[in-house]
Amino acid sequence: MRLILFLLFISFTGMMACKTAQKTSEEHIVQGITGTVTEMIGNQMPRIGQTPSASKAYPTTVFFYEPTNISQVSAVQFGAPIYKTINTKLIGFAQTDSAGAFHKSLPVGDYSVFVQVGQHFFANSFDIRNNISVLSVEKKKITDLKIVVNIAATY
């Protein structure tokens, strides 16, 4: 009986050690993008005597595309940072956790980053050439990114 309990204990301990090691290796990246996605809603104008509302975690999917120009997307509405389609190559994606955190190992290069909002894509930054949310990944470096989904906010 003791032998059986001992073997069960060893098996259980071994499985837990493997599971912990697996999770650690999944979360550890040496090159790519890591960050958080939050949502800002409501009136964000400064008001005397009131503190601004804080952003909250926004669980979603983050997509990494080849650098994408505004001419390569179909907007839901003119001027809005919400897109129906993206006409460049999808390189990868990452699911955020309940705190909005994500990480993705990516090869060296430039990427346009979009966030899933409902059935559409969100990105609200542009460079001087109208490329959308372009980020660079450098060799053996991790790029940190904070994305704020602010389509329901007023400023």
N, C-alpha and C. Protein backbone atom coordinates (compact mmCIF):
# COMPACT_ATOMS: atom_id res chain seq x y z
N MET A 1 0.83 -1.20 0.00
CA MET A 1 0.00 0.00 0.00
C MET A 1 0.87 1.26 0.00
N ARG A 2 1.92 1.25 0.83
CA ARG A 2 2.83 2.40 0.87
C ARG A 2 3.51 2.61 -0.47
N LEU A 3 3.87 1.51 -1.13
CA LEU A 3 4.52 1.59 -2.43
C LEU A 3 3.60 2.24 -3.46
N ILE A 4 2.33 1.87 -3.44
CA ILE A 4 1.37 2.45 -4.37
C ILE A 4 1.20 3.95 -4.11
N LEU A 5 1.05 4.34 -2.85
CA LEU A 5 0.94 5.75 -2.51
C LEU A 5 2.20 6.52 -2.90
N PHE A 6 3.35 5.92 -2.65
CA PHE A 6 4.62 6.55 -3.01
C PHE A 6 4.70 6.77 -4.53
N LEU A 7 4.31 5.75 -5.32
CA LEU A 7 4.35 5.88 -6.77
C LEU A 7 3.36 6.94 -7.27
N LEU A 8 2.17 6.98 -6.68
CA LEU A 8 1.20 8.00 -7.04
C LEU A 8 1.72 9.40 -6.72
N PHE A 9 2.34 9.55 -5.57
CA PHE A 9 2.92 10.84 -5.16
C PHE A 9 4.01 11.27 -6.14
N ILE A 10 4.89 10.36 -6.50
CA ILE A 10 5.98 10.67 -7.44
C ILE A 10 5.41 11.03 -8.81
N SER A 11 4.41 10.29 -9.27
CA SER A 11 3.79 10.58 -10.56
C SER A 11 3.14 11.96 -10.56
N PHE A 12 2.37 12.24 -9.51
CA PHE A 12 1.70 13.53 -9.40
C PHE A 12 2.70 14.67 -9.36
N THR A 13 3.74 14.52 -8.57
CA THR A 13 4.78 15.55 -8.46
C THR A 13 5.46 15.75 -9.81
N GLY A 14 5.75 14.69 -10.51
CA GLY A 14 6.39 14.79 -11.83
C GLY A 14 5.51 15.51 -12.83
N MET A 15 4.22 15.20 -12.82
CA MET A 15 3.29 15.86 -13.74
C MET A 15 3.18 17.35 -13.44
N MET A 16 3.12 17.71 -12.17
CA MET A 16 3.03 19.12 -11.79
C MET A 16 4.30 19.87 -12.18
N ALA A 17 5.43 19.24 -12.03
CA ALA A 17 6.70 19.88 -12.40
C ALA A 17 6.75 20.12 -13.90
N CYS A 18 6.30 19.16 -14.69
CA CYS A 18 6.27 19.32 -16.15
C CYS A 18 5.31 20.42 -16.55
N LYS A 19 4.14 20.45 -15.91
CA LYS A 19 3.15 21.47 -16.23
C LYS A 19 3.68 22.86 -15.91
N THR A 20 4.32 23.04 -14.78
CA THR A 20 4.89 24.33 -14.40
C THR A 20 5.99 24.73 -15.37
N ALA A 21 6.85 23.81 -15.73
CA ALA A 21 7.93 24.11 -16.67
C ALA A 21 7.37 24.48 -18.03
N GLN A 22 6.30 23.81 -18.46
CA GLN A 22 5.68 24.11 -19.74
C GLN A 22 5.14 25.53 -19.75
N LYS A 23 4.44 25.91 -18.71
CA LYS A 23 3.85 27.24 -18.64
C LYS A 23 4.94 28.31 -18.66
N THR A 24 6.00 28.10 -17.92
CA THR A 24 7.09 29.06 -17.88
C THR A 24 7.71 29.24 -19.26
N SER A 25 7.93 28.14 -20.00
CA SER A 25 8.55 28.26 -21.31
C SER A 25 7.62 28.96 -22.30
N GLU A 26 6.29 28.80 -22.16
CA GLU A 26 5.35 29.48 -23.04
C GLU A 26 5.37 30.99 -22.80
N GLU A 27 5.52 31.40 -21.55
CA GLU A 27 5.48 32.81 -21.21
C GLU A 27 6.82 33.50 -21.46
N HIS A 28 7.88 32.77 -21.59
CA HIS A 28 9.20 33.37 -21.75
C HIS A 28 9.51 33.53 -23.23
N ILE A 29 9.65 34.77 -23.67
CA ILE A 29 10.06 35.01 -25.04
C ILE A 29 11.33 35.85 -25.01
N VAL A 30 12.17 35.68 -25.99
CA VAL A 30 13.42 36.44 -26.05
C VAL A 30 13.38 37.51 -27.13
N GLN A 31 12.39 37.44 -28.01
CA GLN A 31 12.29 38.41 -29.10
C GLN A 31 10.83 38.48 -29.55
N GLY A 32 10.29 39.68 -29.54
CA GLY A 32 8.91 39.82 -29.98
C GLY A 32 8.24 41.02 -29.34
N ILE A 33 6.95 40.88 -29.10
CA ILE A 33 6.14 41.97 -28.57
C ILE A 33 5.39 41.48 -27.34
N THR A 34 5.36 42.31 -26.32
CA THR A 34 4.59 42.03 -25.11
C THR A 34 3.87 43.31 -24.73
N GLY A 35 2.74 43.18 -24.08
CA GLY A 35 2.03 44.38 -23.69
C GLY A 35 0.68 44.12 -23.07
N THR A 36 -0.12 45.18 -23.03
CA THR A 36 -1.46 45.09 -22.46
C THR A 36 -2.45 45.82 -23.36
N VAL A 37 -3.70 45.36 -23.29
CA VAL A 37 -4.80 46.02 -23.98
C VAL A 37 -5.80 46.45 -22.91
N THR A 38 -6.11 47.75 -22.90
CA THR A 38 -7.10 48.27 -21.96
C THR A 38 -8.16 49.05 -22.74
N GLU A 39 -9.27 49.32 -22.06
CA GLU A 39 -10.35 50.08 -22.69
C GLU A 39 -10.61 51.34 -21.88
N MET A 40 -10.78 52.44 -22.58
CA MET A 40 -11.11 53.72 -21.95
C MET A 40 -12.49 54.11 -22.47
N ILE A 41 -13.41 54.39 -21.56
CA ILE A 41 -14.77 54.77 -21.96
C ILE A 41 -15.19 56.05 -21.24
N GLY A 42 -16.17 56.72 -21.81
CA GLY A 42 -16.75 57.89 -21.15
C GLY A 42 -15.97 59.18 -21.37
N ASN A 43 -16.38 60.20 -20.64
CA ASN A 43 -15.79 61.53 -20.74
C ASN A 43 -14.41 61.55 -20.09
N GLN A 44 -13.39 61.87 -20.86
CA GLN A 44 -12.02 61.90 -20.36
C GLN A 44 -11.49 63.34 -20.22
N MET A 45 -12.38 64.31 -20.37
CA MET A 45 -11.96 65.71 -20.21
C MET A 45 -11.63 65.97 -18.75
N PRO A 46 -10.56 66.72 -18.49
CA PRO A 46 -10.22 67.06 -17.10
C PRO A 46 -11.33 67.90 -16.46
N ARG A 47 -11.68 67.54 -15.23
CA ARG A 47 -12.71 68.26 -14.51
C ARG A 47 -12.22 68.57 -13.11
N ILE A 48 -12.50 69.76 -12.67
CA ILE A 48 -12.07 70.19 -11.34
C ILE A 48 -12.80 69.36 -10.29
N GLY A 49 -12.03 68.80 -9.37
CA GLY A 49 -12.60 68.03 -8.28
C GLY A 49 -12.92 66.59 -8.61
N GLN A 50 -12.67 66.17 -9.83
CA GLN A 50 -12.94 64.78 -10.20
C GLN A 50 -11.69 64.15 -10.78
N THR A 51 -11.45 62.93 -10.40
CA THR A 51 -10.31 62.22 -10.97
C THR A 51 -10.75 61.55 -12.27
N PRO A 52 -9.85 61.50 -13.25
CA PRO A 52 -10.22 60.86 -14.50
C PRO A 52 -10.50 59.37 -14.28
N SER A 53 -11.41 58.84 -15.09
CA SER A 53 -11.71 57.42 -14.95
C SER A 53 -10.52 56.60 -15.43
N ALA A 54 -10.33 55.48 -14.80
CA ALA A 54 -9.21 54.61 -15.14
C ALA A 54 -9.61 53.65 -16.26
N SER A 55 -8.62 53.26 -17.03
CA SER A 55 -8.90 52.26 -18.05
C SER A 55 -9.03 50.89 -17.39
N LYS A 56 -9.71 49.98 -18.07
CA LYS A 56 -9.88 48.64 -17.52
C LYS A 56 -9.36 47.62 -18.53
N ALA A 57 -9.02 46.45 -18.04
CA ALA A 57 -8.50 45.39 -18.91
C ALA A 57 -9.50 45.08 -20.01
N TYR A 58 -8.96 44.75 -21.18
CA TYR A 58 -9.81 44.46 -22.34
C TYR A 58 -9.36 43.13 -22.95
N PRO A 59 -9.93 42.02 -22.48
CA PRO A 59 -9.56 40.72 -23.05
C PRO A 59 -10.00 40.64 -24.51
N THR A 60 -9.07 40.27 -25.38
CA THR A 60 -9.35 40.25 -26.82
C THR A 60 -8.24 39.47 -27.53
N THR A 61 -8.20 39.58 -28.85
CA THR A 61 -7.13 39.01 -29.65
C THR A 61 -6.35 40.14 -30.29
N VAL A 62 -5.02 40.05 -30.27
CA VAL A 62 -4.14 41.03 -30.89
C VAL A 62 -3.56 40.39 -32.15
N PHE A 63 -3.66 41.10 -33.28
CA PHE A 63 -3.20 40.57 -34.56
C PHE A 63 -1.97 41.33 -35.03
N PHE A 64 -1.02 40.60 -35.63
CA PHE A 64 0.21 41.18 -36.15
C PHE A 64 0.25 40.94 -37.66
N TYR A 65 0.19 42.03 -38.42
CA TYR A 65 0.18 41.98 -39.88
C TYR A 65 1.47 42.58 -40.42
N GLU A 66 1.73 42.31 -41.70
CA GLU A 66 2.79 43.04 -42.40
C GLU A 66 2.45 44.51 -42.27
N PRO A 67 3.44 45.41 -42.36
CA PRO A 67 3.12 46.84 -42.28
C PRO A 67 1.98 47.18 -43.25
N THR A 68 0.96 47.83 -42.70
CA THR A 68 -0.28 48.08 -43.43
C THR A 68 -0.54 49.57 -43.54
N ASN A 69 -0.78 50.03 -44.75
CA ASN A 69 -1.09 51.42 -45.02
C ASN A 69 -2.60 51.61 -44.97
N ILE A 70 -3.02 52.84 -44.70
CA ILE A 70 -4.46 53.14 -44.64
C ILE A 70 -5.17 52.77 -45.95
N SER A 71 -4.42 52.77 -47.06
CA SER A 71 -5.01 52.41 -48.36
C SER A 71 -5.24 50.90 -48.49
N GLN A 72 -4.74 50.10 -47.53
CA GLN A 72 -4.85 48.64 -47.60
C GLN A 72 -5.89 48.07 -46.64
N VAL A 73 -6.74 48.94 -46.11
CA VAL A 73 -7.80 48.50 -45.20
C VAL A 73 -9.14 49.06 -45.66
N SER A 74 -10.22 48.46 -45.19
CA SER A 74 -11.56 48.97 -45.43
C SER A 74 -12.12 49.42 -44.08
N ALA A 75 -12.35 50.72 -43.96
CA ALA A 75 -12.86 51.27 -42.71
C ALA A 75 -14.35 51.00 -42.58
N VAL A 76 -14.82 50.83 -41.35
CA VAL A 76 -16.25 50.67 -41.09
C VAL A 76 -16.95 51.99 -41.39
N GLN A 77 -16.29 53.09 -41.01
CA GLN A 77 -16.83 54.43 -41.22
C GLN A 77 -15.66 55.35 -41.50
N PHE A 78 -15.81 56.28 -42.41
CA PHE A 78 -14.72 57.18 -42.75
C PHE A 78 -14.20 57.90 -41.51
N GLY A 79 -12.90 57.86 -41.32
CA GLY A 79 -12.26 58.55 -40.21
C GLY A 79 -12.24 57.78 -38.90
N ALA A 80 -12.97 56.69 -38.80
CA ALA A 80 -13.00 55.90 -37.57
C ALA A 80 -11.87 54.87 -37.59
N PRO A 81 -11.26 54.58 -36.45
CA PRO A 81 -10.15 53.62 -36.42
C PRO A 81 -10.60 52.16 -36.33
N ILE A 82 -11.74 51.85 -36.95
CA ILE A 82 -12.30 50.50 -36.95
C ILE A 82 -12.33 50.02 -38.39
N TYR A 83 -11.82 48.80 -38.61
CA TYR A 83 -11.67 48.30 -39.97
C TYR A 83 -12.40 46.96 -40.15
N LYS A 84 -13.02 46.81 -41.33
CA LYS A 84 -13.71 45.56 -41.68
C LYS A 84 -12.71 44.53 -42.20
N THR A 85 -11.83 44.97 -43.08
CA THR A 85 -10.86 44.06 -43.69
C THR A 85 -9.48 44.68 -43.70
N ILE A 86 -8.48 43.81 -43.64
CA ILE A 86 -7.08 44.21 -43.72
C ILE A 86 -6.49 43.42 -44.88
N ASN A 87 -5.97 44.12 -45.87
CA ASN A 87 -5.51 43.47 -47.10
C ASN A 87 -4.00 43.30 -47.15
N THR A 88 -3.41 42.91 -46.04
CA THR A 88 -2.00 42.54 -46.00
C THR A 88 -1.90 41.18 -45.31
N LYS A 89 -0.73 40.61 -45.32
CA LYS A 89 -0.53 39.25 -44.78
C LYS A 89 -0.54 39.23 -43.25
N LEU A 90 -1.36 38.34 -42.70
CA LEU A 90 -1.38 38.11 -41.25
C LEU A 90 -0.15 37.30 -40.88
N ILE A 91 0.64 37.81 -39.94
CA ILE A 91 1.86 37.13 -39.50
C ILE A 91 1.58 36.26 -38.28
N GLY A 92 0.75 36.72 -37.38
CA GLY A 92 0.44 35.95 -36.18
C GLY A 92 -0.57 36.68 -35.32
N PHE A 93 -0.94 36.04 -34.22
CA PHE A 93 -1.87 36.66 -33.29
C PHE A 93 -1.59 36.15 -31.88
N ALA A 94 -2.10 36.88 -30.90
CA ALA A 94 -1.95 36.51 -29.50
C ALA A 94 -3.25 36.80 -28.78
N GLN A 95 -3.65 35.89 -27.92
CA GLN A 95 -4.84 36.07 -27.10
C GLN A 95 -4.42 36.75 -25.80
N THR A 96 -5.15 37.77 -25.38
CA THR A 96 -4.84 38.39 -24.09
C THR A 96 -5.43 37.55 -22.97
N ASP A 97 -4.89 37.75 -21.77
CA ASP A 97 -5.47 37.08 -20.61
C ASP A 97 -6.55 37.99 -20.02
N SER A 98 -7.10 37.63 -18.88
CA SER A 98 -8.19 38.41 -18.29
C SER A 98 -7.74 39.80 -17.86
N ALA A 99 -6.43 40.01 -17.69
CA ALA A 99 -5.89 41.32 -17.33
C ALA A 99 -5.52 42.14 -18.56
N GLY A 100 -5.76 41.59 -19.76
CA GLY A 100 -5.43 42.28 -20.99
C GLY A 100 -3.99 42.12 -21.43
N ALA A 101 -3.23 41.30 -20.73
CA ALA A 101 -1.81 41.12 -21.06
C ALA A 101 -1.63 40.10 -22.18
N PHE A 102 -0.62 40.32 -23.02
CA PHE A 102 -0.31 39.40 -24.10
C PHE A 102 1.19 39.39 -24.36
N HIS A 103 1.64 38.38 -25.06
CA HIS A 103 3.03 38.32 -25.54
C HIS A 103 3.06 37.45 -26.78
N LYS A 104 3.97 37.81 -27.69
CA LYS A 104 4.09 37.07 -28.94
C LYS A 104 5.54 37.10 -29.40
N SER A 105 6.08 35.93 -29.63
CA SER A 105 7.41 35.80 -30.20
C SER A 105 7.29 36.03 -31.71
N LEU A 106 8.11 36.94 -32.23
CA LEU A 106 8.04 37.29 -33.65
C LEU A 106 9.45 37.45 -34.22
N PRO A 107 9.62 37.20 -35.51
CA PRO A 107 10.92 37.44 -36.14
C PRO A 107 11.21 38.94 -36.22
N VAL A 108 12.47 39.28 -36.42
CA VAL A 108 12.87 40.67 -36.59
C VAL A 108 12.09 41.26 -37.77
N GLY A 109 11.58 42.47 -37.58
CA GLY A 109 10.85 43.13 -38.65
C GLY A 109 9.86 44.13 -38.13
N ASP A 110 9.10 44.72 -39.05
CA ASP A 110 8.06 45.69 -38.72
C ASP A 110 6.69 45.05 -38.87
N TYR A 111 5.78 45.44 -37.99
CA TYR A 111 4.43 44.86 -37.98
C TYR A 111 3.40 45.93 -37.70
N SER A 112 2.23 45.80 -38.31
CA SER A 112 1.08 46.61 -37.95
C SER A 112 0.28 45.79 -36.95
N VAL A 113 -0.13 46.45 -35.87
CA VAL A 113 -0.81 45.75 -34.78
C VAL A 113 -2.27 46.21 -34.72
N PHE A 114 -3.18 45.24 -34.71
CA PHE A 114 -4.61 45.50 -34.64
C PHE A 114 -5.20 44.69 -33.48
N VAL A 115 -6.30 45.20 -32.93
CA VAL A 115 -7.00 44.54 -31.84
C VAL A 115 -8.41 44.20 -32.32
N GLN A 116 -8.88 43.01 -31.98
CA GLN A 116 -10.24 42.63 -32.33
C GLN A 116 -11.23 43.34 -31.41
N VAL A 117 -12.19 44.02 -32.04
CA VAL A 117 -13.28 44.67 -31.32
C VAL A 117 -14.56 44.21 -31.99
N GLY A 118 -15.27 43.32 -31.33
CA GLY A 118 -16.45 42.71 -31.95
C GLY A 118 -16.02 41.91 -33.17
N GLN A 119 -16.62 42.21 -34.31
CA GLN A 119 -16.27 41.52 -35.57
C GLN A 119 -15.27 42.32 -36.40
N HIS A 120 -14.73 43.40 -35.83
CA HIS A 120 -13.86 44.29 -36.58
C HIS A 120 -12.47 44.38 -35.95
N PHE A 121 -11.63 45.21 -36.58
CA PHE A 121 -10.26 45.44 -36.11
C PHE A 121 -10.11 46.90 -35.70
N PHE A 122 -9.36 47.12 -34.63
CA PHE A 122 -9.13 48.48 -34.12
C PHE A 122 -7.65 48.79 -34.13
N ALA A 123 -7.29 49.99 -34.57
CA ALA A 123 -5.94 50.52 -34.47
C ALA A 123 -6.06 52.03 -34.64
N ASN A 124 -5.44 52.80 -33.74
CA ASN A 124 -5.65 54.24 -33.81
C ASN A 124 -4.37 55.07 -33.86
N SER A 125 -3.27 54.48 -34.31
CA SER A 125 -2.07 55.30 -34.48
C SER A 125 -1.53 55.12 -35.90
N PHE A 126 -0.91 56.18 -36.40
CA PHE A 126 -0.41 56.21 -37.76
C PHE A 126 0.94 56.89 -37.78
N ASP A 127 1.80 56.50 -38.73
CA ASP A 127 3.05 57.23 -38.90
C ASP A 127 2.85 58.31 -39.97
N ILE A 128 3.91 59.01 -40.35
CA ILE A 128 3.77 60.12 -41.28
C ILE A 128 3.40 59.68 -42.70
N ARG A 129 3.53 58.39 -42.99
CA ARG A 129 3.18 57.85 -44.31
C ARG A 129 1.83 57.13 -44.30
N ASN A 130 1.05 57.32 -43.23
CA ASN A 130 -0.26 56.70 -43.05
C ASN A 130 -0.20 55.18 -42.92
N ASN A 131 0.92 54.68 -42.40
CA ASN A 131 0.99 53.26 -42.03
C ASN A 131 0.36 53.13 -40.65
N ILE A 132 -0.39 52.07 -40.45
CA ILE A 132 -1.20 51.91 -39.25
C ILE A 132 -0.44 51.13 -38.16
N SER A 133 -0.34 51.74 -36.99
CA SER A 133 0.20 51.10 -35.77
C SER A 133 1.42 50.23 -36.04
N VAL A 134 2.44 50.79 -36.66
CA VAL A 134 3.64 50.03 -37.00
C VAL A 134 4.58 49.98 -35.80
N LEU A 135 5.04 48.77 -35.53
CA LEU A 135 5.96 48.49 -34.44
C LEU A 135 7.13 47.68 -34.97
N SER A 136 8.31 47.90 -34.42
CA SER A 136 9.50 47.16 -34.86
C SER A 136 9.91 46.14 -33.81
N VAL A 137 10.30 44.96 -34.29
CA VAL A 137 10.89 43.93 -33.43
C VAL A 137 12.36 43.84 -33.81
N GLU A 138 13.23 44.01 -32.82
CA GLU A 138 14.66 43.95 -33.04
C GLU A 138 15.21 42.63 -32.52
N LYS A 139 16.38 42.27 -33.03
CA LYS A 139 17.01 41.00 -32.66
C LYS A 139 17.23 40.92 -31.16
N LYS A 140 16.72 39.83 -30.56
CA LYS A 140 16.84 39.52 -29.13
C LYS A 140 16.36 40.64 -28.21
N LYS A 141 15.33 41.37 -28.67
CA LYS A 141 14.71 42.41 -27.85
C LYS A 141 13.21 42.20 -27.81
N ILE A 142 12.62 42.66 -26.72
CA ILE A 142 11.18 42.58 -26.56
C ILE A 142 10.63 44.01 -26.60
N THR A 143 9.71 44.25 -27.51
CA THR A 143 9.08 45.56 -27.65
C THR A 143 7.84 45.58 -26.77
N ASP A 144 7.73 46.62 -25.94
CA ASP A 144 6.59 46.75 -25.05
C ASP A 144 5.54 47.65 -25.71
N LEU A 145 4.28 47.24 -25.61
CA LEU A 145 3.20 47.96 -26.27
C LEU A 145 2.01 48.08 -25.33
N LYS A 146 1.50 49.29 -25.21
CA LYS A 146 0.28 49.54 -24.44
C LYS A 146 -0.78 50.01 -25.43
N ILE A 147 -1.83 49.23 -25.58
CA ILE A 147 -2.91 49.55 -26.51
C ILE A 147 -4.13 49.98 -25.68
N VAL A 148 -4.68 51.14 -26.03
CA VAL A 148 -5.89 51.63 -25.36
C VAL A 148 -7.01 51.69 -26.41
N VAL A 149 -8.01 50.86 -26.22
CA VAL A 149 -9.19 50.86 -27.09
C VAL A 149 -10.08 51.99 -26.57
N ASN A 150 -10.13 53.09 -27.33
CA ASN A 150 -10.82 54.29 -26.83
C ASN A 150 -11.95 54.76 -27.74
N ILE A 151 -12.57 53.82 -28.45
CA ILE A 151 -13.64 54.22 -29.36
C ILE A 151 -14.90 54.70 -28.62
N ALA A 152 -15.05 54.35 -27.35
CA ALA A 152 -16.20 54.77 -26.57
C ALA A 152 -15.84 55.89 -25.60
N ALA A 153 -14.70 56.55 -25.83
CA ALA A 153 -14.26 57.64 -24.97
C ALA A 153 -14.41 58.97 -25.70
N THR A 154 -14.62 60.03 -24.93
CA THR A 154 -14.62 61.38 -25.50
C THR A 154 -13.53 62.19 -24.81
N TYR A 155 -12.88 63.03 -25.60
CA TYR A 155 -11.76 63.83 -25.07
C TYR A 155 -12.00 65.30 -25.32
